[in-house]
Amino acid sequence: MPSSRPRPKRREPLSDRARAWTRASYHVHLWGGVITALAVGVIGVTGVALNHKRGLGLMPDVAGVDGGLAGSLPLSALADAGRAALADPDTPVDRMDVRPDDGYVKVRFDDPEVTEVTVALADGRVLHVGPRRDVFMEKLHSGELFGDGWILLSDAAAVALVLLLVTGFWLWLLPRFRS
């Protein structure tokens, strides 16, 4: 017994331009997805871990102290107080993170352990000395771990995601226009 369903209409063949765009979209989508999957995975996992670095124990938790910027010591004196707490007082300072509401400054040193010394702003008292365990993850997340040229890895992954979105949308949308 013949089917009562109507036969589907025969689709118009694609123009050469549409066929070329579809073929290019397919290959860009396929290989772009394959190449960026690892980078996007690493960026995603490290990003989530960095969002929860205090809870994961990657960052020291230091209680705030009284004092603010008005009564604080000069930054150079605070850096010297932090440097004095290290085994090697000649270690260069990498960065200083001043937290006026908490009353301290975090002095991070450029050493293999990435040591951080937390110093009270008001009197230069050392509150905490220890390694920062999140620095490796920050450098991996940003691409800095592989050298300065790799810092753009996050940007390249973002551009690749947009390209995957556009080509995937095209590959999904094309059959709907053809029917």
C-alpha atoms as a PDB file:
ATOM      1  CA  MET A   1       0.000   0.000   0.000  1.00  0.00           C
ATOM      2  CA  PRO A   2       1.472   3.369  -0.989  1.00  0.00           C
ATOM      3  CA  SER A   3       2.234   5.911   1.696  1.00  0.00           C
ATOM      4  CA  SER A   4      -0.151   8.811   2.070  1.00  0.00           C
ATOM      5  CA  ARG A   5       2.627  11.169   3.060  1.00  0.00           C
ATOM      6  CA  PRO A   6       3.608  13.665   0.410  1.00  0.00           C
ATOM      7  CA  ARG A   7       6.977  13.206  -1.177  1.00  0.00           C
ATOM      8  CA  PRO A   8       9.543  15.769  -0.006  1.00  0.00           C
ATOM      9  CA  LYS A   9      10.379  18.460  -2.505  1.00  0.00           C
ATOM     10  CA  ARG A  10      13.627  18.091  -4.294  1.00  0.00           C
ATOM     11  CA  ARG A  11      16.065  20.657  -2.986  1.00  0.00           C
ATOM     12  CA  GLU A  12      17.655  23.185  -5.259  1.00  0.00           C
ATOM     13  CA  PRO A  13      21.353  22.528  -5.658  1.00  0.00           C
ATOM     14  CA  LEU A  14      23.628  24.944  -3.828  1.00  0.00           C
ATOM     15  CA  SER A  15      25.383  27.618  -5.808  1.00  0.00           C
ATOM     16  CA  ASP A  16      29.135  27.288  -6.128  1.00  0.00           C
ATOM     17  CA  ARG A  17      29.575  30.196  -3.726  1.00  0.00           C
ATOM     18  CA  ALA A  18      27.271  28.660  -1.077  1.00  0.00           C
ATOM     19  CA  ARG A  19      28.947  25.260  -1.504  1.00  0.00           C
ATOM     20  CA  ALA A  20      32.405  26.816  -1.038  1.00  0.00           C
ATOM     21  CA  TRP A  21      31.224  28.745   2.056  1.00  0.00           C
ATOM     22  CA  THR A  22      29.695  25.583   3.529  1.00  0.00           C
ATOM     23  CA  ARG A  23      32.814  23.530   2.866  1.00  0.00           C
ATOM     24  CA  ALA A  24      35.039  26.241   4.380  1.00  0.00           C
ATOM     25  CA  SER A  25      32.704  26.593   7.382  1.00  0.00           C
ATOM     26  CA  TYR A  26      32.777  22.864   7.961  1.00  0.00           C
ATOM     27  CA  HIS A  27      36.585  22.667   7.928  1.00  0.00           C
ATOM     28  CA  VAL A  28      37.069  25.811   9.997  1.00  0.00           C
ATOM     29  CA  HIS A  29      34.506  24.548  12.500  1.00  0.00           C
ATOM     30  CA  LEU A  30      35.989  21.060  12.668  1.00  0.00           C
ATOM     31  CA  TRP A  31      39.678  21.960  12.937  1.00  0.00           C
ATOM     32  CA  GLY A  32      39.069  25.106  14.966  1.00  0.00           C
ATOM     33  CA  GLY A  33      37.152  22.994  17.470  1.00  0.00           C
ATOM     34  CA  VAL A  34      39.837  20.335  17.601  1.00  0.00           C
ATOM     35  CA  ILE A  35      42.687  22.821  18.009  1.00  0.00           C
ATOM     36  CA  THR A  36      41.026  25.057  20.599  1.00  0.00           C
ATOM     37  CA  ALA A  37      39.351  22.340  22.680  1.00  0.00           C
ATOM     38  CA  LEU A  38      42.438  21.779  24.809  1.00  0.00           C
ATOM     39  CA  ALA A  39      43.119  25.485  25.349  1.00  0.00           C
ATOM     40  CA  VAL A  40      39.494  26.230  26.185  1.00  0.00           C
ATOM     41  CA  GLY A  41      39.401  23.253  28.558  1.00  0.00           C
ATOM     42  CA  VAL A  42      42.510  24.425  30.414  1.00  0.00           C
ATOM     43  CA  ILE A  43      41.241  28.014  30.566  1.00  0.00           C
ATOM     44  CA  GLY A  44      37.863  26.828  31.861  1.00  0.00           C
ATOM     45  CA  VAL A  45      39.218  24.502  34.546  1.00  0.00           C
ATOM     46  CA  THR A  46      41.835  26.984  35.774  1.00  0.00           C
ATOM     47  CA  GLY A  47      39.269  29.795  35.726  1.00  0.00           C
ATOM     48  CA  VAL A  48      36.912  27.857  37.995  1.00  0.00           C
ATOM     49  CA  ALA A  49      39.800  26.937  40.311  1.00  0.00           C
ATOM     50  CA  LEU A  50      40.931  30.579  40.459  1.00  0.00           C
ATOM     51  CA  ASN A  51      37.394  31.676  41.333  1.00  0.00           C
ATOM     52  CA  HIS A  52      37.577  29.359  44.355  1.00  0.00           C
ATOM     53  CA  LYS A  53      41.290  29.669  45.176  1.00  0.00           C
ATOM     54  CA  ARG A  54      40.752  30.655  48.802  1.00  0.00           C
ATOM     55  CA  GLY A  55      38.413  27.701  49.412  1.00  0.00           C
ATOM     56  CA  LEU A  56      40.847  25.333  47.685  1.00  0.00           C
ATOM     57  CA  GLY A  57      43.688  26.497  49.949  1.00  0.00           C
ATOM     58  CA  LEU A  58      45.674  28.034  47.096  1.00  0.00           C
ATOM     59  CA  MET A  59      45.819  31.457  48.744  1.00  0.00           C
ATOM     60  CA  PRO A  60      46.660  32.290  52.368  1.00  0.00           C
ATOM     61  CA  ASP A  61      43.815  33.674  54.457  1.00  0.00           C
ATOM     62  CA  VAL A  62      45.126  36.560  56.553  1.00  0.00           C
ATOM     63  CA  ALA A  63      42.940  38.386  59.053  1.00  0.00           C
ATOM     64  CA  GLY A  64      42.701  42.146  58.634  1.00  0.00           C
ATOM     65  CA  VAL A  65      44.329  44.579  61.063  1.00  0.00           C
ATOM     66  CA  ASP A  66      43.560  48.131  62.105  1.00  0.00           C
ATOM     67  CA  GLY A  67      45.020  50.881  59.999  1.00  0.00           C
ATOM     68  CA  GLY A  68      44.586  52.337  56.578  1.00  0.00           C
ATOM     69  CA  LEU A  69      46.466  54.404  54.058  1.00  0.00           C
ATOM     70  CA  ALA A  70      46.417  57.593  56.138  1.00  0.00           C
ATOM     71  CA  GLY A  71      48.740  56.222  58.820  1.00  0.00           C
ATOM     72  CA  SER A  72      50.696  53.762  56.728  1.00  0.00           C
ATOM     73  CA  LEU A  73      54.419  53.492  56.270  1.00  0.00           C
ATOM     74  CA  PRO A  74      55.902  54.290  52.842  1.00  0.00           C
ATOM     75  CA  LEU A  75      55.745  51.439  50.312  1.00  0.00           C
ATOM     76  CA  SER A  76      59.528  51.184  50.238  1.00  0.00           C
ATOM     77  CA  ALA A  77      59.603  50.617  54.029  1.00  0.00           C
ATOM     78  CA  LEU A  78      56.845  47.996  53.739  1.00  0.00           C
ATOM     79  CA  ALA A  79      58.769  46.224  50.958  1.00  0.00           C
ATOM     80  CA  ASP A  80      61.910  46.274  53.107  1.00  0.00           C
ATOM     81  CA  ALA A  81      59.953  44.803  56.049  1.00  0.00           C
ATOM     82  CA  GLY A  82      58.726  42.014  53.788  1.00  0.00           C
ATOM     83  CA  ARG A  83      62.174  41.417  52.335  1.00  0.00           C
ATOM     84  CA  ALA A  84      63.655  41.163  55.865  1.00  0.00           C
ATOM     85  CA  ALA A  85      61.333  38.219  56.565  1.00  0.00           C
ATOM     86  CA  LEU A  86      62.907  36.187  53.742  1.00  0.00           C
ATOM     87  CA  ALA A  87      65.947  33.919  53.943  1.00  0.00           C
ATOM     88  CA  ASP A  88      67.505  35.859  51.038  1.00  0.00           C
ATOM     89  CA  PRO A  89      66.965  39.583  51.620  1.00  0.00           C
ATOM     90  CA  ASP A  90      68.198  40.378  48.085  1.00  0.00           C
ATOM     91  CA  THR A  91      65.167  38.734  46.457  1.00  0.00           C
ATOM     92  CA  PRO A  92      63.482  41.243  44.133  1.00  0.00           C
ATOM     93  CA  VAL A  93      59.897  42.318  44.700  1.00  0.00           C
ATOM     94  CA  ASP A  94      57.569  41.184  41.908  1.00  0.00           C
ATOM     95  CA  ARG A  95      54.464  43.127  42.975  1.00  0.00           C
ATOM     96  CA  MET A  96      52.712  44.660  45.937  1.00  0.00           C
ATOM     97  CA  ASP A  97      48.989  44.375  46.540  1.00  0.00           C
ATOM     98  CA  VAL A  98      47.859  47.086  48.948  1.00  0.00           C
ATOM     99  CA  ARG A  99      44.644  46.335  50.848  1.00  0.00           C
ATOM    100  CA  PRO A 100      43.810  49.533  52.782  1.00  0.00           C
ATOM    101  CA  ASP A 101      40.468  48.240  54.114  1.00  0.00           C
ATOM    102  CA  ASP A 102      42.239  45.190  55.570  1.00  0.00           C
ATOM    103  CA  GLY A 103      45.198  47.237  56.830  1.00  0.00           C
ATOM    104  CA  TYR A 104      47.945  45.300  55.077  1.00  0.00           C
ATOM    105  CA  VAL A 105      50.006  44.957  51.934  1.00  0.00           C
ATOM    106  CA  LYS A 106      50.890  41.670  50.255  1.00  0.00           C
ATOM    107  CA  VAL A 107      54.478  41.762  48.989  1.00  0.00           C
ATOM    108  CA  ARG A 108      55.068  39.062  46.362  1.00  0.00           C
ATOM    109  CA  PHE A 109      58.656  38.193  45.545  1.00  0.00           C
ATOM    110  CA  ASP A 110      60.212  37.003  42.300  1.00  0.00           C
ATOM    111  CA  ASP A 111      61.637  33.721  43.574  1.00  0.00           C
ATOM    112  CA  PRO A 112      61.032  30.103  42.496  1.00  0.00           C
ATOM    113  CA  GLU A 113      58.522  29.517  45.333  1.00  0.00           C
ATOM    114  CA  VAL A 114      56.692  32.814  44.631  1.00  0.00           C
ATOM    115  CA  THR A 115      56.853  33.764  48.299  1.00  0.00           C
ATOM    116  CA  GLU A 116      54.376  36.291  49.630  1.00  0.00           C
ATOM    117  CA  VAL A 117      54.855  38.280  52.803  1.00  0.00           C
ATOM    118  CA  THR A 118      51.848  40.065  54.294  1.00  0.00           C
ATOM    119  CA  VAL A 119      52.877  43.238  56.142  1.00  0.00           C
ATOM    120  CA  ALA A 120      50.732  45.542  58.302  1.00  0.00           C
ATOM    121  CA  LEU A 121      50.448  49.007  56.754  1.00  0.00           C
ATOM    122  CA  ALA A 122      50.588  50.923  60.031  1.00  0.00           C
ATOM    123  CA  ASP A 123      53.671  49.453  61.691  1.00  0.00           C
ATOM    124  CA  GLY A 124      55.417  47.126  59.201  1.00  0.00           C
ATOM    125  CA  ARG A 125      54.687  44.048  61.309  1.00  0.00           C
ATOM    126  CA  VAL A 126      54.933  40.769  59.344  1.00  0.00           C
ATOM    127  CA  LEU A 127      51.578  38.976  59.481  1.00  0.00           C
ATOM    128  CA  HIS A 128      52.238  36.008  57.207  1.00  0.00           C
ATOM    129  CA  VAL A 129      55.049  34.468  55.167  1.00  0.00           C
ATOM    130  CA  GLY A 130      54.432  31.658  52.699  1.00  0.00           C
ATOM    131  CA  PRO A 131      54.269  30.563  49.072  1.00  0.00           C
ATOM    132  CA  ARG A 132      51.405  31.527  46.776  1.00  0.00           C
ATOM    133  CA  ARG A 133      50.086  28.253  45.384  1.00  0.00           C
ATOM    134  CA  ASP A 134      47.758  29.954  42.899  1.00  0.00           C
ATOM    135  CA  VAL A 135      50.472  31.664  40.825  1.00  0.00           C
ATOM    136  CA  PHE A 136      51.128  28.565  38.712  1.00  0.00           C
ATOM    137  CA  MET A 137      47.423  28.315  37.949  1.00  0.00           C
ATOM    138  CA  GLU A 138      47.198  32.051  37.125  1.00  0.00           C
ATOM    139  CA  LYS A 139      50.130  31.744  34.720  1.00  0.00           C
ATOM    140  CA  LEU A 140      48.664  28.628  33.111  1.00  0.00           C
ATOM    141  CA  HIS A 141      45.268  30.331  32.795  1.00  0.00           C
ATOM    142  CA  SER A 142      46.724  33.411  31.104  1.00  0.00           C
ATOM    143  CA  GLY A 143      49.282  31.543  28.983  1.00  0.00           C
ATOM    144  CA  GLU A 144      52.131  33.403  30.697  1.00  0.00           C
ATOM    145  CA  LEU A 145      53.552  30.063  31.870  1.00  0.00           C
ATOM    146  CA  PHE A 146      54.767  29.347  28.323  1.00  0.00           C
ATOM    147  CA  GLY A 147      56.374  32.765  27.811  1.00  0.00           C
ATOM    148  CA  ASP A 148      55.284  36.273  27.024  1.00  0.00           C
ATOM    149  CA  GLY A 149      54.207  35.376  23.492  1.00  0.00           C
ATOM    150  CA  TRP A 150      51.612  32.932  24.797  1.00  0.00           C
ATOM    151  CA  ILE A 151      49.701  35.504  26.853  1.00  0.00           C
ATOM    152  CA  LEU A 152      47.443  36.006  23.847  1.00  0.00           C
ATOM    153  CA  LEU A 153      46.335  32.355  24.102  1.00  0.00           C
ATOM    154  CA  SER A 154      43.203  33.340  26.033  1.00  0.00           C
ATOM    155  CA  ASP A 155      42.362  35.930  23.378  1.00  0.00           C
ATOM    156  CA  ALA A 156      42.953  33.434  20.577  1.00  0.00           C
ATOM    157  CA  ALA A 157      40.698  30.912  22.317  1.00  0.00           C
ATOM    158  CA  ALA A 158      37.971  33.554  22.657  1.00  0.00           C
ATOM    159  CA  VAL A 159      38.239  34.472  18.968  1.00  0.00           C
ATOM    160  CA  ALA A 160      38.162  30.769  18.077  1.00  0.00           C
ATOM    161  CA  LEU A 161      35.000  30.320  20.142  1.00  0.00           C
ATOM    162  CA  VAL A 162      33.309  33.163  18.251  1.00  0.00           C
ATOM    163  CA  LEU A 163      34.436  31.653  14.941  1.00  0.00           C
ATOM    164  CA  LEU A 164      33.112  28.248  16.022  1.00  0.00           C
ATOM    165  CA  LEU A 165      29.816  29.880  16.957  1.00  0.00           C
ATOM    166  CA  VAL A 166      29.478  31.583  13.545  1.00  0.00           C
ATOM    167  CA  THR A 167      30.454  28.529  11.494  1.00  0.00           C
ATOM    168  CA  GLY A 168      28.349  26.191  13.647  1.00  0.00           C
ATOM    169  CA  PHE A 169      25.362  28.494  13.267  1.00  0.00           C
ATOM    170  CA  TRP A 170      25.874  28.547   9.499  1.00  0.00           C
ATOM    171  CA  LEU A 171      26.107  24.752   9.340  1.00  0.00           C
ATOM    172  CA  TRP A 172      22.928  24.444  11.421  1.00  0.00           C
ATOM    173  CA  LEU A 173      21.023  27.151   9.568  1.00  0.00           C
ATOM    174  CA  LEU A 174      21.846  26.190   5.962  1.00  0.00           C
ATOM    175  CA  PRO A 175      19.703  23.012   5.822  1.00  0.00           C
ATOM    176  CA  ARG A 176      16.729  24.931   7.179  1.00  0.00           C
ATOM    177  CA  PHE A 177      16.904  27.470   4.337  1.00  0.00           C
ATOM    178  CA  ARG A 178      17.270  24.766   1.729  1.00  0.00           C
ATOM    179  CA  SER A 179      14.105  22.869   2.648  1.00  0.00           C
END
